C-alpha atoms as a PDB file:
ATOM      1  CA  UNK A   1     -13.999 -22.950  -0.066  1.00  0.00           C
ATOM      2  CA  UNK A   2     -12.538 -20.136  -1.219  1.00  0.00           C
ATOM      3  CA  UNK A   3     -12.510 -18.434   1.967  1.00  0.00           C
ATOM      4  CA  UNK A   4     -10.115 -21.111   2.988  1.00  0.00           C
ATOM      5  CA  UNK A   5      -7.719 -20.565   0.830  1.00  0.00           C
ATOM      6  CA  UNK A   6      -7.798 -16.557   1.524  1.00  0.00           C
ATOM      7  CA  UNK A   7      -7.170 -17.805   5.174  1.00  0.00           C
ATOM      8  CA  UNK A   8      -4.404 -20.205   4.538  1.00  0.00           C
ATOM      9  CA  UNK A   9      -2.543 -17.464   2.592  1.00  0.00           C
ATOM     10  CA  UNK A  10      -2.612 -15.172   5.779  1.00  0.00           C
ATOM     11  CA  UNK A  11      -1.856 -17.762   8.317  1.00  0.00           C
ATOM     12  CA  UNK A  12       1.389 -18.647   6.024  1.00  0.00           C
ATOM     13  CA  UNK A  13       2.630 -15.244   5.719  1.00  0.00           C
ATOM     14  CA  UNK A  14       2.007 -14.838   9.154  1.00  0.00           C
ATOM     15  CA  UNK A  15       4.283 -17.556  10.032  1.00  0.00           C
ATOM     16  CA  UNK A  16       6.895 -17.138   7.179  1.00  0.00           C
ATOM     17  CA  UNK A  17       7.355 -13.310   8.275  1.00  0.00           C
ATOM     18  CA  UNK A  18       7.588 -14.114  11.570  1.00  0.00           C
ATOM     19  CA  UNK A  19      10.381 -16.549  11.311  1.00  0.00           C
ATOM     20  CA  UNK A  20      12.290 -14.114   8.870  1.00  0.00           C
ATOM     21  CA  UNK A  21      12.041 -10.955  10.652  1.00  0.00           C
ATOM     22  CA  UNK A  22      13.847 -11.694  13.624  1.00  0.00           C
ATOM     23  CA  UNK A  23      16.467 -13.192  11.433  1.00  0.00           C
ATOM     24  CA  UNK A  24      16.404 -10.089   9.279  1.00  0.00           C
ATOM     25  CA  UNK A  25      16.772  -7.751  12.939  1.00  0.00           C
ATOM     26  CA  UNK A  26      19.596  -9.897  14.243  1.00  0.00           C
ATOM     27  CA  UNK A  27      21.526  -9.353  10.661  1.00  0.00           C
ATOM     28  CA  UNK A  28      20.983  -5.538  10.488  1.00  0.00           C
ATOM     29  CA  UNK A  29      22.224  -5.477  14.189  1.00  0.00           C
ATOM     30  CA  UNK A  30      25.324  -7.656  13.257  1.00  0.00           C
ATOM     31  CA  UNK A  31      26.249  -5.633  10.058  1.00  0.00           C
ATOM     32  CA  UNK A  32      25.167  -2.397  11.781  1.00  0.00           C
ATOM     33  CA  UNK A  33      22.620  -1.401   9.382  1.00  0.00           C
ATOM     34  CA  UNK A  34      20.940   1.159  11.143  1.00  0.00           C
ATOM     35  CA  UNK A  35      18.329   4.386  10.278  1.00  0.00           C
ATOM     36  CA  UNK A  36      20.093   6.972  12.328  1.00  0.00           C
ATOM     37  CA  UNK A  37      18.222   9.407  13.572  1.00  0.00           C
ATOM     38  CA  UNK A  38      18.606  13.191  12.719  1.00  0.00           C
ATOM     39  CA  UNK A  39      16.518  16.228  13.877  1.00  0.00           C
ATOM     40  CA  UNK A  40      13.672  15.470  11.634  1.00  0.00           C
ATOM     41  CA  UNK A  41      12.833  12.174  12.847  1.00  0.00           C
ATOM     42  CA  UNK A  42      11.260  10.594  15.897  1.00  0.00           C
ATOM     43  CA  UNK A  43      13.549   8.366  17.136  1.00  0.00           C
ATOM     44  CA  UNK A  44      16.625   8.748  19.380  1.00  0.00           C
ATOM     45  CA  UNK A  45      18.317   5.557  19.057  1.00  0.00           C
ATOM     46  CA  UNK A  46      19.611   3.759  15.730  1.00  0.00           C
ATOM     47  CA  UNK A  47      17.236   1.365  14.733  1.00  0.00           C
ATOM     48  CA  UNK A  48      17.520  -1.412  12.280  1.00  0.00           C
ATOM     49  CA  UNK A  49      15.741  -0.521   8.790  1.00  0.00           C
ATOM     50  CA  UNK A  50      15.446  -3.843   6.999  1.00  0.00           C
ATOM     51  CA  UNK A  51      12.112  -5.341   7.984  1.00  0.00           C
ATOM     52  CA  UNK A  52      10.785  -4.718   4.867  1.00  0.00           C
ATOM     53  CA  UNK A  53      12.965  -7.334   3.222  1.00  0.00           C
ATOM     54  CA  UNK A  54      10.743  -9.837   4.365  1.00  0.00           C
ATOM     55  CA  UNK A  55       7.623  -8.148   2.800  1.00  0.00           C
ATOM     56  CA  UNK A  56       7.905  -9.674  -1.094  1.00  0.00           C
ATOM     57  CA  UNK A  57       9.459 -13.055  -0.575  1.00  0.00           C
ATOM     58  CA  UNK A  58       6.634 -14.062   1.887  1.00  0.00           C
ATOM     59  CA  UNK A  59       3.875 -12.613  -0.103  1.00  0.00           C
ATOM     60  CA  UNK A  60       5.075 -14.253  -2.991  1.00  0.00           C
ATOM     61  CA  UNK A  61       5.963 -17.295  -1.576  1.00  0.00           C
ATOM     62  CA  UNK A  62       2.256 -17.127   0.174  1.00  0.00           C
ATOM     63  CA  UNK A  63       0.616 -16.856  -3.319  1.00  0.00           C
ATOM     64  CA  UNK A  64       2.111 -19.176  -5.040  1.00  0.00           C
ATOM     65  CA  UNK A  65       1.984 -21.916  -2.803  1.00  0.00           C
ATOM     66  CA  UNK A  66      -1.799 -21.652  -1.869  1.00  0.00           C
ATOM     67  CA  UNK A  67      -2.105 -21.008  -5.744  1.00  0.00           C
ATOM     68  CA  UNK A  68      -0.567 -23.861  -6.747  1.00  0.00           C
ATOM     69  CA  UNK A  69      -2.411 -26.324  -4.088  1.00  0.00           C
ATOM     70  CA  UNK A  70      -5.344 -24.853  -4.991  1.00  0.00           C
ATOM     71  CA  UNK A  71      -4.592 -26.102  -8.649  1.00  0.00           C
ATOM     72  CA  UNK A  72      -3.247 -29.191  -7.600  1.00  0.00           C
ATOM     73  CA  UNK A  73      -6.873 -30.004  -5.327  1.00  0.00           C
ATOM     74  CA  UNK A  74      -9.014 -29.480  -8.454  1.00  0.00           C
ATOM     75  CA  UNK A  75      -9.944 -25.913  -7.775  1.00  0.00           C
ATOM     76  CA  UNK A  76      -8.357 -24.529 -10.604  1.00  0.00           C
ATOM     77  CA  UNK A  77      -9.812 -21.177 -11.880  1.00  0.00           C
ATOM     78  CA  UNK A  78     -11.941 -20.157 -14.552  1.00  0.00           C
ATOM     79  CA  UNK A  79     -10.686 -19.467 -17.968  1.00  0.00           C
ATOM     80  CA  UNK A  80     -12.236 -16.126 -18.269  1.00  0.00           C
ATOM     81  CA  UNK A  81     -10.596 -15.236 -14.853  1.00  0.00           C
ATOM     82  CA  UNK A  82      -7.037 -16.648 -16.307  1.00  0.00           C
ATOM     83  CA  UNK A  83      -6.818 -14.634 -19.072  1.00  0.00           C
ATOM     84  CA  UNK A  84      -7.049 -11.485 -16.849  1.00  0.00           C
ATOM     85  CA  UNK A  85      -5.564 -12.812 -13.339  1.00  0.00           C
ATOM     86  CA  UNK A  86      -2.401 -14.243 -14.912  1.00  0.00           C
ATOM     87  CA  UNK A  87      -1.065 -11.504 -17.059  1.00  0.00           C
ATOM     88  CA  UNK A  88      -1.575  -8.868 -13.892  1.00  0.00           C
ATOM     89  CA  UNK A  89      -0.028 -11.009 -11.449  1.00  0.00           C
ATOM     90  CA  UNK A  90       2.950 -11.882 -13.440  1.00  0.00           C
ATOM     91  CA  UNK A  91       3.692  -8.006 -14.210  1.00  0.00           C
ATOM     92  CA  UNK A  92       2.700  -7.015 -11.252  1.00  0.00           C
ATOM     93  CA  UNK A  93       5.779  -9.563  -9.449  1.00  0.00           C
ATOM     94  CA  UNK A  94       8.214  -8.114 -12.339  1.00  0.00           C
ATOM     95  CA  UNK A  95       7.357  -4.486 -10.880  1.00  0.00           C
ATOM     96  CA  UNK A  96       7.695  -5.454  -7.232  1.00  0.00           C
ATOM     97  CA  UNK A  97      10.538  -7.718  -8.172  1.00  0.00           C
ATOM     98  CA  UNK A  98      12.318  -3.864  -9.479  1.00  0.00           C
ATOM     99  CA  UNK A  99      11.058  -1.912  -6.913  1.00  0.00           C
ATOM    100  CA  UNK A 100      12.547  -4.605  -3.654  1.00  0.00           C
ATOM    101  CA  UNK A 101      15.625  -4.381  -5.688  1.00  0.00           C
ATOM    102  CA  UNK A 102      15.675  -0.371  -5.570  1.00  0.00           C
ATOM    103  CA  UNK A 103      14.338  -0.332  -1.933  1.00  0.00           C
ATOM    104  CA  UNK A 104      17.413  -2.183  -0.574  1.00  0.00           C
ATOM    105  CA  UNK A 105      19.438  -0.056  -2.715  1.00  0.00           C
ATOM    106  CA  UNK A 106      18.288   2.515  -1.121  1.00  0.00           C
ATOM    107  CA  UNK A 107      18.400   1.609   2.376  1.00  0.00           C
ATOM    108  CA  UNK A 108      21.962   0.185   1.840  1.00  0.00           C
ATOM    109  CA  UNK A 109      23.160   2.761   0.109  1.00  0.00           C
ATOM    110  CA  UNK A 110      20.836   5.732  -0.828  1.00  0.00           C
ATOM    111  CA  UNK A 111      19.206   5.831  -4.278  1.00  0.00           C
ATOM    112  CA  UNK A 112      18.558   9.463  -5.932  1.00  0.00           C
ATOM    113  CA  UNK A 113      14.733  10.266  -6.056  1.00  0.00           C
ATOM    114  CA  UNK A 114      15.156  10.946  -9.934  1.00  0.00           C
ATOM    115  CA  UNK A 115      16.311   7.525 -10.271  1.00  0.00           C
ATOM    116  CA  UNK A 116      13.515   5.594  -8.025  1.00  0.00           C
ATOM    117  CA  UNK A 117      11.191   8.064 -10.128  1.00  0.00           C
ATOM    118  CA  UNK A 118      12.000   6.575 -13.164  1.00  0.00           C
ATOM    119  CA  UNK A 119      11.982   2.922 -12.014  1.00  0.00           C
ATOM    120  CA  UNK A 120       8.728   3.677 -10.607  1.00  0.00           C
ATOM    121  CA  UNK A 121       7.012   4.789 -13.879  1.00  0.00           C
ATOM    122  CA  UNK A 122       8.866   1.773 -15.505  1.00  0.00           C
ATOM    123  CA  UNK A 123       6.730  -0.912 -12.932  1.00  0.00           C
ATOM    124  CA  UNK A 124       3.614   1.365 -13.191  1.00  0.00           C
ATOM    125  CA  UNK A 125       3.759   0.665 -17.181  1.00  0.00           C
ATOM    126  CA  UNK A 126       3.574  -3.007 -16.236  1.00  0.00           C
ATOM    127  CA  UNK A 127       0.209  -2.272 -15.401  1.00  0.00           C
ATOM    128  CA  UNK A 128      -1.200  -0.973 -18.516  1.00  0.00           C
ATOM    129  CA  UNK A 129       1.084  -3.544 -20.609  1.00  0.00           C
ATOM    130  CA  UNK A 130      -1.147  -6.065 -18.518  1.00  0.00           C
ATOM    131  CA  UNK A 131      -4.447  -4.507 -19.842  1.00  0.00           C
ATOM    132  CA  UNK A 132      -5.251  -2.786 -16.356  1.00  0.00           C
ATOM    133  CA  UNK A 133      -5.836   0.770 -16.216  1.00  0.00           C
ATOM    134  CA  UNK A 134      -8.542   3.251 -14.969  1.00  0.00           C
ATOM    135  CA  UNK A 135     -10.851   3.188 -17.767  1.00  0.00           C
ATOM    136  CA  UNK A 136     -13.988   4.733 -16.069  1.00  0.00           C
ATOM    137  CA  UNK A 137     -14.719   7.036 -13.214  1.00  0.00           C
ATOM    138  CA  UNK A 138     -18.275   6.034 -12.497  1.00  0.00           C
ATOM    139  CA  UNK A 139     -19.863   9.365 -12.854  1.00  0.00           C
ATOM    140  CA  UNK A 140     -17.061  11.284 -11.140  1.00  0.00           C
ATOM    141  CA  UNK A 141     -17.411  15.099 -12.225  1.00  0.00           C
ATOM    142  CA  UNK A 142     -19.852  13.660 -14.334  1.00  0.00           C
ATOM    143  CA  UNK A 143     -17.424  11.642 -16.260  1.00  0.00           C
ATOM    144  CA  UNK A 144     -17.482   7.484 -16.845  1.00  0.00           C
ATOM    145  CA  UNK A 145     -15.715   6.185 -19.936  1.00  0.00           C
ATOM    146  CA  UNK A 146     -12.189   7.026 -20.065  1.00  0.00           C
ATOM    147  CA  UNK A 147     -10.262   6.392 -23.144  1.00  0.00           C
ATOM    148  CA  UNK A 148      -7.359   4.264 -23.361  1.00  0.00           C
ATOM    149  CA  UNK A 149      -4.585   7.706 -24.214  1.00  0.00           C
ATOM    150  CA  UNK A 150      -6.125   9.202 -20.975  1.00  0.00           C
ATOM    151  CA  UNK A 151      -6.885   6.302 -18.454  1.00  0.00           C
ATOM    152  CA  UNK A 152      -3.559   4.680 -18.814  1.00  0.00           C
ATOM    153  CA  UNK A 153      -1.177   7.857 -17.787  1.00  0.00           C
ATOM    154  CA  UNK A 154      -3.374   8.339 -15.217  1.00  0.00           C
ATOM    155  CA  UNK A 155      -2.905   5.016 -13.798  1.00  0.00           C
ATOM    156  CA  UNK A 156       1.051   5.567 -14.154  1.00  0.00           C
ATOM    157  CA  UNK A 157       0.491   8.927 -12.540  1.00  0.00           C
ATOM    158  CA  UNK A 158      -1.724   7.344  -9.610  1.00  0.00           C
ATOM    159  CA  UNK A 159       0.639   3.966  -9.436  1.00  0.00           C
ATOM    160  CA  UNK A 160       3.888   6.470  -8.733  1.00  0.00           C
ATOM    161  CA  UNK A 161       2.122   8.721  -6.505  1.00  0.00           C
ATOM    162  CA  UNK A 162       0.848   6.464  -4.093  1.00  0.00           C
ATOM    163  CA  UNK A 163       3.545   4.451  -3.895  1.00  0.00           C
ATOM    164  CA  UNK A 164       5.262   7.698  -2.959  1.00  0.00           C
ATOM    165  CA  UNK A 165       2.366   8.389  -0.585  1.00  0.00           C
ATOM    166  CA  UNK A 166       3.155   5.315   1.807  1.00  0.00           C
ATOM    167  CA  UNK A 167       6.592   6.120   1.607  1.00  0.00           C
ATOM    168  CA  UNK A 168       6.394   9.473   2.710  1.00  0.00           C
ATOM    169  CA  UNK A 169       4.003   8.871   5.483  1.00  0.00           C
ATOM    170  CA  UNK A 170       6.427   6.074   7.337  1.00  0.00           C
ATOM    171  CA  UNK A 171       7.280   8.780   9.940  1.00  0.00           C
ATOM    172  CA  UNK A 172       6.162   7.069  13.409  1.00  0.00           C
ATOM    173  CA  UNK A 173       5.878   3.505  14.476  1.00  0.00           C
ATOM    174  CA  UNK A 174       3.320   1.658  12.786  1.00  0.00           C
ATOM    175  CA  UNK A 175       1.558   4.484  10.681  1.00  0.00           C
ATOM    176  CA  UNK A 176       2.835   3.115   7.524  1.00  0.00           C
ATOM    177  CA  UNK A 177       2.267  -0.670   8.077  1.00  0.00           C
ATOM    178  CA  UNK A 178      -1.152   0.389  10.199  1.00  0.00           C
ATOM    179  CA  UNK A 179      -2.783   2.701   6.755  1.00  0.00           C
ATOM    180  CA  UNK A 180      -1.629  -0.206   4.613  1.00  0.00           C
ATOM    181  CA  UNK A 181      -3.446  -3.010   6.867  1.00  0.00           C
ATOM    182  CA  UNK A 182      -6.556  -0.869   7.134  1.00  0.00           C
ATOM    183  CA  UNK A 183      -6.730  -0.181   3.473  1.00  0.00           C
ATOM    184  CA  UNK A 184      -5.479  -3.897   2.500  1.00  0.00           C
ATOM    185  CA  UNK A 185      -8.703  -5.172   4.946  1.00  0.00           C
ATOM    186  CA  UNK A 186     -11.274  -3.216   3.254  1.00  0.00           C
ATOM    187  CA  UNK A 187      -9.851  -4.162  -0.544  1.00  0.00           C
ATOM    188  CA  UNK A 188      -9.848  -7.780   0.787  1.00  0.00           C
ATOM    189  CA  UNK A 189     -13.668  -7.667   2.113  1.00  0.00           C
ATOM    190  CA  UNK A 190     -14.468  -5.954  -1.433  1.00  0.00           C
ATOM    191  CA  UNK A 191     -12.641  -8.127  -3.952  1.00  0.00           C
ATOM    192  CA  UNK A 192     -14.775 -11.484  -2.108  1.00  0.00           C
ATOM    193  CA  UNK A 193     -17.722  -9.046  -2.601  1.00  0.00           C
ATOM    194  CA  UNK A 194     -17.162  -9.290  -5.820  1.00  0.00           C
ATOM    195  CA  UNK A 195     -15.854 -12.806  -5.964  1.00  0.00           C
ATOM    196  CA  UNK A 196     -12.739 -12.066  -7.287  1.00  0.00           C
ATOM    197  CA  UNK A 197     -10.534 -14.220  -4.437  1.00  0.00           C
ATOM    198  CA  UNK A 198      -7.228 -14.325  -5.922  1.00  0.00           C
ATOM    199  CA  UNK A 199      -6.957 -10.552  -5.496  1.00  0.00           C
ATOM    200  CA  UNK A 200      -8.629 -10.602  -2.169  1.00  0.00           C
ATOM    201  CA  UNK A 201      -5.922 -13.515  -1.787  1.00  0.00           C
ATOM    202  CA  UNK A 202      -3.292 -11.045  -2.113  1.00  0.00           C
ATOM    203  CA  UNK A 203      -4.830  -8.234   0.008  1.00  0.00           C
ATOM    204  CA  UNK A 204      -4.605 -10.666   3.378  1.00  0.00           C
ATOM    205  CA  UNK A 205      -1.412 -12.870   2.712  1.00  0.00           C
ATOM    206  CA  UNK A 206       0.017  -8.733   2.999  1.00  0.00           C
ATOM    207  CA  UNK A 207      -1.769  -8.491   6.044  1.00  0.00           C
ATOM    208  CA  UNK A 208      -0.122 -11.465   7.447  1.00  0.00           C
ATOM    209  CA  UNK A 209       3.389 -10.096   6.932  1.00  0.00           C
ATOM    210  CA  UNK A 210       2.288  -7.071   8.286  1.00  0.00           C
ATOM    211  CA  UNK A 211       1.569  -8.482  11.782  1.00  0.00           C
ATOM    212  CA  UNK A 212       4.671  -9.673  12.819  1.00  0.00           C
ATOM    213  CA  UNK A 213       6.082  -6.433  11.626  1.00  0.00           C
ATOM    214  CA  UNK A 214       3.599  -4.364  13.536  1.00  0.00           C
ATOM    215  CA  UNK A 215       4.563  -6.099  16.568  1.00  0.00           C
ATOM    216  CA  UNK A 216       8.290  -5.557  16.083  1.00  0.00           C
ATOM    217  CA  UNK A 217       8.084  -1.892  15.004  1.00  0.00           C
ATOM    218  CA  UNK A 218       5.479  -1.148  17.769  1.00  0.00           C
ATOM    219  CA  UNK A 219       5.818  -2.898  20.482  1.00  0.00           C
ATOM    220  CA  UNK A 220       9.670  -3.975  20.054  1.00  0.00           C
ATOM    221  CA  UNK A 221      12.367  -2.448  22.645  1.00  0.00           C
ATOM    222  CA  UNK A 222      14.744  -0.318  20.725  1.00  0.00           C
ATOM    223  CA  UNK A 223      17.050  -0.942  24.362  1.00  0.00           C
ATOM    224  CA  UNK A 224      16.491  -4.594  24.111  1.00  0.00           C
ATOM    225  CA  UNK A 225      17.748  -4.858  20.168  1.00  0.00           C
ATOM    226  CA  UNK A 226      13.582  -6.135  19.136  1.00  0.00           C
ATOM    227  CA  UNK A 227      12.808  -3.001  17.122  1.00  0.00           C
ATOM    228  CA  UNK A 228      13.078  -2.610  13.420  1.00  0.00           C
ATOM    229  CA  UNK A 229      11.557  -0.694  10.646  1.00  0.00           C
ATOM    230  CA  UNK A 230      10.174  -0.957   7.151  1.00  0.00           C
ATOM    231  CA  UNK A 231      12.806   1.207   5.292  1.00  0.00           C
ATOM    232  CA  UNK A 232      12.169   2.308   1.667  1.00  0.00           C
ATOM    233  CA  UNK A 233      12.194  -1.868   0.802  1.00  0.00           C
ATOM    234  CA  UNK A 234       8.818  -2.496   2.800  1.00  0.00           C
ATOM    235  CA  UNK A 235       6.999   1.330   1.956  1.00  0.00           C
ATOM    236  CA  UNK A 236       7.773   0.751  -2.054  1.00  0.00           C
ATOM    237  CA  UNK A 237       6.442  -2.756  -1.819  1.00  0.00           C
ATOM    238  CA  UNK A 238       3.075  -1.895   0.278  1.00  0.00           C
ATOM    239  CA  UNK A 239       2.724   0.886  -1.629  1.00  0.00           C
ATOM    240  CA  UNK A 240       2.552  -0.785  -5.052  1.00  0.00           C
ATOM    241  CA  UNK A 241       0.755  -3.468  -4.064  1.00  0.00           C
ATOM    242  CA  UNK A 242      -2.080  -0.823  -2.864  1.00  0.00           C
ATOM    243  CA  UNK A 243      -2.067   1.266  -6.281  1.00  0.00           C
ATOM    244  CA  UNK A 244      -2.141  -2.327  -7.942  1.00  0.00           C
ATOM    245  CA  UNK A 245      -5.671  -3.136  -5.965  1.00  0.00           C
ATOM    246  CA  UNK A 246      -6.989   0.034  -6.109  1.00  0.00           C
ATOM    247  CA  UNK A 247      -6.679   0.102  -9.758  1.00  0.00           C
ATOM    248  CA  UNK A 248      -7.595  -3.526  -9.923  1.00  0.00           C
ATOM    249  CA  UNK A 249     -11.176  -2.569  -7.943  1.00  0.00           C
ATOM    250  CA  UNK A 250     -11.854   0.733  -9.726  1.00  0.00           C
ATOM    251  CA  UNK A 251     -11.279  -0.971 -13.229  1.00  0.00           C
ATOM    252  CA  UNK A 252     -14.606  -1.560 -15.101  1.00  0.00           C
ATOM    253  CA  UNK A 253     -14.618  -4.759 -16.705  1.00  0.00           C
ATOM    254  CA  UNK A 254     -18.076  -6.390 -16.706  1.00  0.00           C
ATOM    255  CA  UNK A 255     -15.991  -9.870 -18.606  1.00  0.00           C
ATOM    256  CA  UNK A 256     -14.469 -10.691 -15.433  1.00  0.00           C
ATOM    257  CA  UNK A 257     -16.905  -9.166 -12.556  1.00  0.00           C
ATOM    258  CA  UNK A 258     -19.992  -6.977 -12.023  1.00  0.00           C
ATOM    259  CA  UNK A 259     -20.361  -2.959 -12.383  1.00  0.00           C
ATOM    260  CA  UNK A 260     -19.546  -1.381  -9.259  1.00  0.00           C
ATOM    261  CA  UNK A 261     -21.298   1.831  -8.578  1.00  0.00           C
ATOM    262  CA  UNK A 262     -18.717   4.533  -7.244  1.00  0.00           C
ATOM    263  CA  UNK A 263     -15.901   1.945  -7.527  1.00  0.00           C
ATOM    264  CA  UNK A 264     -13.379   4.497  -8.080  1.00  0.00           C
ATOM    265  CA  UNK A 265     -13.845   6.554  -5.175  1.00  0.00           C
ATOM    266  CA  UNK A 266     -14.544   3.550  -2.987  1.00  0.00           C
ATOM    267  CA  UNK A 267     -11.071   2.284  -4.020  1.00  0.00           C
ATOM    268  CA  UNK A 268      -9.039   5.384  -3.335  1.00  0.00           C
ATOM    269  CA  UNK A 269     -10.977   6.288   0.078  1.00  0.00           C
ATOM    270  CA  UNK A 270      -8.787   3.965   1.396  1.00  0.00           C
ATOM    271  CA  UNK A 271      -5.983   5.399   0.660  1.00  0.00           C
ATOM    272  CA  UNK A 272      -7.152   9.434   1.537  1.00  0.00           C
ATOM    273  CA  UNK A 273      -4.964   9.932   4.707  1.00  0.00           C
ATOM    274  CA  UNK A 274      -1.346   9.353   2.937  1.00  0.00           C
ATOM    275  CA  UNK A 275      -2.712  10.619  -0.395  1.00  0.00           C
ATOM    276  CA  UNK A 276      -4.355  13.919   0.871  1.00  0.00           C
ATOM    277  CA  UNK A 277      -1.341  14.086   3.490  1.00  0.00           C
ATOM    278  CA  UNK A 278       1.242  14.292   0.461  1.00  0.00           C
ATOM    279  CA  UNK A 279      -0.935  16.873  -1.462  1.00  0.00           C
ATOM    280  CA  UNK A 280      -0.912  18.998   1.128  1.00  0.00           C
ATOM    281  CA  UNK A 281       2.518  18.853   2.338  1.00  0.00           C
ATOM    282  CA  UNK A 282       3.688  19.447  -1.274  1.00  0.00           C
ATOM    283  CA  UNK A 283       1.227  22.480  -1.608  1.00  0.00           C
ATOM    284  CA  UNK A 284       2.822  24.037   1.297  1.00  0.00           C
ATOM    285  CA  UNK A 285       6.102  23.469   0.115  1.00  0.00           C
ATOM    286  CA  UNK A 286       5.555  25.309  -3.186  1.00  0.00           C
ATOM    287  CA  UNK A 287       4.051  28.152  -1.236  1.00  0.00           C
ATOM    288  CA  UNK A 288       7.281  28.118   0.962  1.00  0.00           C
ATOM    289  CA  UNK A 289       9.399  28.037  -2.260  1.00  0.00           C
ATOM    290  CA  UNK A 290      11.316  25.379  -1.181  1.00  0.00           C
ATOM    291  CA  UNK A 291      11.585  21.792  -3.097  1.00  0.00           C
ATOM    292  CA  UNK A 292       8.466  19.395  -3.286  1.00  0.00           C
ATOM    293  CA  UNK A 293      11.192  16.742  -2.682  1.00  0.00           C
ATOM    294  CA  UNK A 294      13.050  18.015   0.377  1.00  0.00           C
ATOM    295  CA  UNK A 295      12.012  16.442   3.658  1.00  0.00           C
ATOM    296  CA  UNK A 296      10.159  18.830   6.371  1.00  0.00           C
ATOM    297  CA  UNK A 297       7.748  18.055   8.846  1.00  0.00           C
ATOM    298  CA  UNK A 298       4.919  18.991   7.721  1.00  0.00           C
ATOM    299  CA  UNK A 299       2.960  15.511   7.459  1.00  0.00           C
ATOM    300  CA  UNK A 300       0.291  14.430   9.815  1.00  0.00           C
ATOM    301  CA  UNK A 301       2.000  12.936  12.134  1.00  0.00           C
ATOM    302  CA  UNK A 302       4.269  15.766  12.787  1.00  0.00           C
ATOM    303  CA  UNK A 303       1.130  17.846  13.662  1.00  0.00           C
ATOM    304  CA  UNK A 304      -0.170  15.613  15.697  1.00  0.00           C
ATOM    305  CA  UNK A 305       2.882  15.133  17.492  1.00  0.00           C
ATOM    306  CA  UNK A 306       3.509  19.373  17.757  1.00  0.00           C
ATOM    307  CA  UNK A 307      -0.117  19.077  19.726  1.00  0.00           C
ATOM    308  CA  UNK A 308       1.653  17.372  22.223  1.00  0.00           C
ATOM    309  CA  UNK A 309       0.383  13.435  21.555  1.00  0.00           C
ATOM    310  CA  UNK A 310       2.765  10.601  22.060  1.00  0.00           C
ATOM    311  CA  UNK A 311       3.320   8.858  18.546  1.00  0.00           C
ATOM    312  CA  UNK A 312       2.041   5.853  19.346  1.00  0.00           C
ATOM    313  CA  UNK A 313      -1.203   8.009  20.281  1.00  0.00           C
ATOM    314  CA  UNK A 314      -0.774   9.825  16.819  1.00  0.00           C
ATOM    315  CA  UNK A 315      -0.572   6.867  14.815  1.00  0.00           C
ATOM    316  CA  UNK A 316      -4.166   4.796  16.830  1.00  0.00           C
ATOM    317  CA  UNK A 317      -5.939   8.279  15.896  1.00  0.00           C
ATOM    318  CA  UNK A 318      -4.743   9.287  12.597  1.00  0.00           C
ATOM    319  CA  UNK A 319      -5.560   4.941  11.875  1.00  0.00           C
ATOM    320  CA  UNK A 320      -9.245   5.693  13.073  1.00  0.00           C
ATOM    321  CA  UNK A 321      -9.354   8.905  10.843  1.00  0.00           C
ATOM    322  CA  UNK A 322      -8.165   6.445   7.746  1.00  0.00           C
ATOM    323  CA  UNK A 323     -11.386   3.615   9.106  1.00  0.00           C
ATOM    324  CA  UNK A 324     -13.966   6.514   9.350  1.00  0.00           C
ATOM    325  CA  UNK A 325     -13.139   7.875   5.530  1.00  0.00           C
ATOM    326  CA  UNK A 326     -13.269   4.397   4.382  1.00  0.00           C
ATOM    327  CA  UNK A 327     -16.278   3.133   6.000  1.00  0.00           C
ATOM    328  CA  UNK A 328     -18.332   5.944   5.652  1.00  0.00           C
ATOM    329  CA  UNK A 329     -17.505   6.808   1.649  1.00  0.00           C
ATOM    330  CA  UNK A 330     -18.177   2.385   1.735  1.00  0.00           C
ATOM    331  CA  UNK A 331     -21.641   3.023   3.314  1.00  0.00           C
ATOM    332  CA  UNK A 332     -23.111   6.260   1.861  1.00  0.00           C
ATOM    333  CA  UNK A 333     -22.043   5.509  -1.423  1.00  0.00           C
ATOM    334  CA  UNK A 334     -25.538   4.352  -2.766  1.00  0.00           C
ATOM    335  CA  UNK A 335     -26.833   7.546  -1.734  1.00  0.00           C
ATOM    336  CA  UNK A 336     -24.780  10.042  -2.581  1.00  0.00           C
ATOM    337  CA  UNK A 337     -22.949  11.583  -5.503  1.00  0.00           C
ATOM    338  CA  UNK A 338     -19.839  10.583  -6.440  1.00  0.00           C
ATOM    339  CA  UNK A 339     -18.193  14.424  -6.707  1.00  0.00           C
ATOM    340  CA  UNK A 340     -20.448  15.798  -3.780  1.00  0.00           C
ATOM    341  CA  UNK A 341     -18.708  12.222  -1.762  1.00  0.00           C
ATOM    342  CA  UNK A 342     -15.290  13.508  -3.241  1.00  0.00           C
ATOM    343  CA  UNK A 343     -15.948  17.542  -2.039  1.00  0.00           C
ATOM    344  CA  UNK A 344     -17.375  16.095   1.114  1.00  0.00           C
ATOM    345  CA  UNK A 345     -14.026  14.099   1.880  1.00  0.00           C
ATOM    346  CA  UNK A 346     -12.002  16.899   1.194  1.00  0.00           C
ATOM    347  CA  UNK A 347     -13.641  19.447   3.049  1.00  0.00           C
ATOM    348  CA  UNK A 348     -13.541  16.707   5.990  1.00  0.00           C
ATOM    349  CA  UNK A 349      -9.848  16.195   5.590  1.00  0.00           C
ATOM    350  CA  UNK A 350      -9.436  20.166   5.545  1.00  0.00           C
END
């Protein structure tokens, strides 16, 4: 029965996003809310950039209505899971509201990166307040249990890092939404395997909202005013949800679910492409003695474009790389040590 509720959340998200995105596109065109091209950007025409405005309301609606329907039909959540799920859900929504408003402000008039960092740190703290933080590295570098004074700051750092990684990888059509969809699908299946259907529902409802957006973003025609970008509103929402799912999967809590070997590496292997790309870009900027926050053309998609790839072909190849990392890590985890797996990932990436 849980599968029906997950599918229902996905279908509702697709349906609502399909209704909302064309209307957001229309409003953006009428009010001239565009992403203006410059020397760093790929597009040559002014494109509406408020597609991400549809993400949070759609995900919230689909998850809430399915949870309500499930409860009313007698398929309520167990008492043990409710103790953990409810605070995590509520504080996730609180963080998403703050990031949603920040993203809208940034897309409309711009927000300084220092202010965005402060808000992201506040939102990251919500996870720890709910009791959600990384408490085990599953043998990575010989480390297992992490005390709260290490795990909580590490969790905050990772949330801010992933949120910005998704934001920064959003450089060509379909890349951020495609990479996010790959990660969300993997997380959805992983949580189903662990019996945590409510978290799988979040993953699949987010995929649902990305399906119509991907169509307008990748296949929409700018000449016919049918193309839209997600903007910071969308990328911040996706990054925050992905960090939530990654930390939840990697947390060891045998009261809720069974121990999963190598959960930390598996969880973050779905985010290797945006994470490793940001690390490499920051290293290059520091080496060149430029600000780590100064935009440039050193991201992985810029490298593919410089090699002669079209934006769409570059997007497809990068998505295949992401699928390869995720699949290889999940399949090899039972046979390869965590630390060796991470070293192999780094070598392959380099």
